Amino acid sequence: MAACTTPSGISMEDLIEALKLKIVEILNLPDVTPDDIPVDGQLVGGELGIDSIDTLELVIMLNKDYGVVIDNKELGFKVFASLRSLASYIMEKSPRYAG
């Protein structure tokens, strides 16, 4: 099965791996490695201990690094449901990845 890629040639899997690294780095998660972050598991409020302050830091990173905006709570719940939903949102909305 071919990997889903963007016009820039970046695959969903590559983006997910990059996001894992950024999450661990930006949030300074104790005793968490990128491999500990489940792709389809609950991202916020789950076992990783990511809370609302952490989510705000992620929103800022998304705007700065990917040019995407999360401007309301409902959208935030949808986007931050899992790492896969976050990557999908970036691929769909980011000028860097969208066709």
Protein backbone atom coordinates (compact mmCIF):
# COMPACT_ATOMS: atom_id res chain seq x y z
CA MET A 1 0.00 0.00 0.00
CA ALA A 2 1.45 3.37 -1.02
CA ALA A 3 1.98 6.01 1.64
CA CYS A 4 -0.17 9.10 1.42
CA THR A 5 2.05 11.97 0.33
CA THR A 6 1.54 15.68 -0.14
CA PRO A 7 2.52 17.73 -3.17
CA SER A 8 5.72 18.54 -1.25
CA GLY A 9 6.50 14.80 -1.09
CA ILE A 10 6.06 14.48 2.67
CA SER A 11 4.14 11.39 3.78
CA MET A 12 1.65 11.24 6.62
CA GLU A 13 4.02 8.86 8.39
CA ASP A 14 6.91 11.34 8.11
CA LEU A 15 4.72 14.12 9.50
CA ILE A 16 3.56 11.92 12.40
CA GLU A 17 7.17 11.09 13.31
CA ALA A 18 8.13 14.79 13.16
CA LEU A 19 5.15 15.68 15.38
CA LYS A 20 6.14 13.05 17.94
CA LEU A 21 9.59 14.63 18.22
CA LYS A 22 8.14 18.15 18.50
CA ILE A 23 5.62 17.12 21.17
CA VAL A 24 8.29 15.55 23.37
CA GLU A 25 10.66 18.49 22.84
CA ILE A 26 8.17 21.35 23.26
CA LEU A 27 6.28 19.91 26.20
CA ASN A 28 9.30 18.49 28.04
CA LEU A 29 7.35 15.35 28.84
CA PRO A 30 9.15 13.47 31.62
CA ASP A 31 10.03 9.87 30.82
CA VAL A 32 8.27 10.04 27.42
CA THR A 33 10.00 9.19 24.16
CA PRO A 34 8.54 9.77 20.69
CA ASP A 35 7.86 6.02 20.45
CA ASP A 36 5.65 6.27 23.56
CA ILE A 37 3.15 8.52 21.76
CA PRO A 38 0.40 6.40 20.19
CA VAL A 39 -0.71 7.41 16.71
CA ASP A 40 -4.39 6.70 17.34
CA GLY A 41 -4.56 6.99 21.13
CA GLN A 42 -5.97 9.92 23.06
CA LEU A 43 -3.52 12.80 22.74
CA VAL A 44 -4.84 15.32 25.28
CA GLY A 45 -5.98 14.18 28.71
CA GLY A 46 -4.69 10.66 28.18
CA GLU A 47 -1.77 8.71 29.58
CA LEU A 48 0.77 11.24 28.32
CA GLY A 49 -0.46 13.85 30.80
CA ILE A 50 -0.97 16.56 28.15
CA ASP A 51 -3.21 19.24 29.65
CA SER A 52 -4.77 22.54 28.51
CA ILE A 53 -1.56 24.54 29.01
CA ASP A 54 0.34 21.99 26.93
CA THR A 55 -2.37 22.20 24.29
CA LEU A 56 -1.89 25.96 24.10
CA GLU A 57 1.83 25.42 23.49
CA LEU A 58 0.96 22.97 20.70
CA VAL A 59 -1.46 25.49 19.13
CA ILE A 60 1.34 28.08 19.07
CA MET A 61 3.75 25.55 17.52
CA LEU A 62 1.20 24.61 14.84
CA ASN A 63 0.74 28.23 13.87
CA LYS A 64 4.47 28.98 13.87
CA ASP A 65 5.78 25.81 12.23
CA TYR A 66 2.91 24.83 9.94
CA GLY A 67 0.86 28.00 9.42
CA VAL A 68 -2.35 26.44 10.70
CA VAL A 69 -4.76 28.02 13.15
CA ILE A 70 -6.97 26.39 15.75
CA ASP A 71 -9.29 29.18 16.75
CA ASN A 72 -12.02 27.53 18.79
CA LYS A 73 -12.49 24.87 21.42
CA GLU A 74 -14.60 22.54 19.27
CA LEU A 75 -11.96 22.47 16.54
CA GLY A 76 -9.28 21.90 19.16
CA PHE A 77 -11.11 18.85 20.52
CA LYS A 78 -11.35 17.42 17.01
CA VAL A 79 -7.77 18.18 15.97
CA PHE A 80 -6.14 17.05 19.22
CA ALA A 81 -8.19 13.85 19.53
CA SER A 82 -5.16 11.83 18.38
CA LEU A 83 -1.80 12.26 16.73
CA ARG A 84 -3.29 11.01 13.45
CA SER A 85 -6.10 13.61 13.56
CA LEU A 86 -3.50 16.32 14.26
CA ALA A 87 -1.36 15.23 11.30
CA SER A 88 -4.42 15.01 9.05
CA TYR A 89 -5.44 18.54 9.97
CA ILE A 90 -1.95 19.85 9.20
CA MET A 91 -1.84 18.05 5.84
CA GLU A 92 -5.24 19.45 4.95
CA LYS A 93 -4.78 23.05 6.13
CA SER A 94 -1.08 23.88 6.07
CA PRO A 95 0.13 25.89 3.09
CA ARG A 96 3.34 23.91 3.46
CA TYR A 97 1.62 20.58 2.70
CA ALA A 98 -1.73 21.29 1.05
CA GLY A 99 -1.93 21.13 -2.71
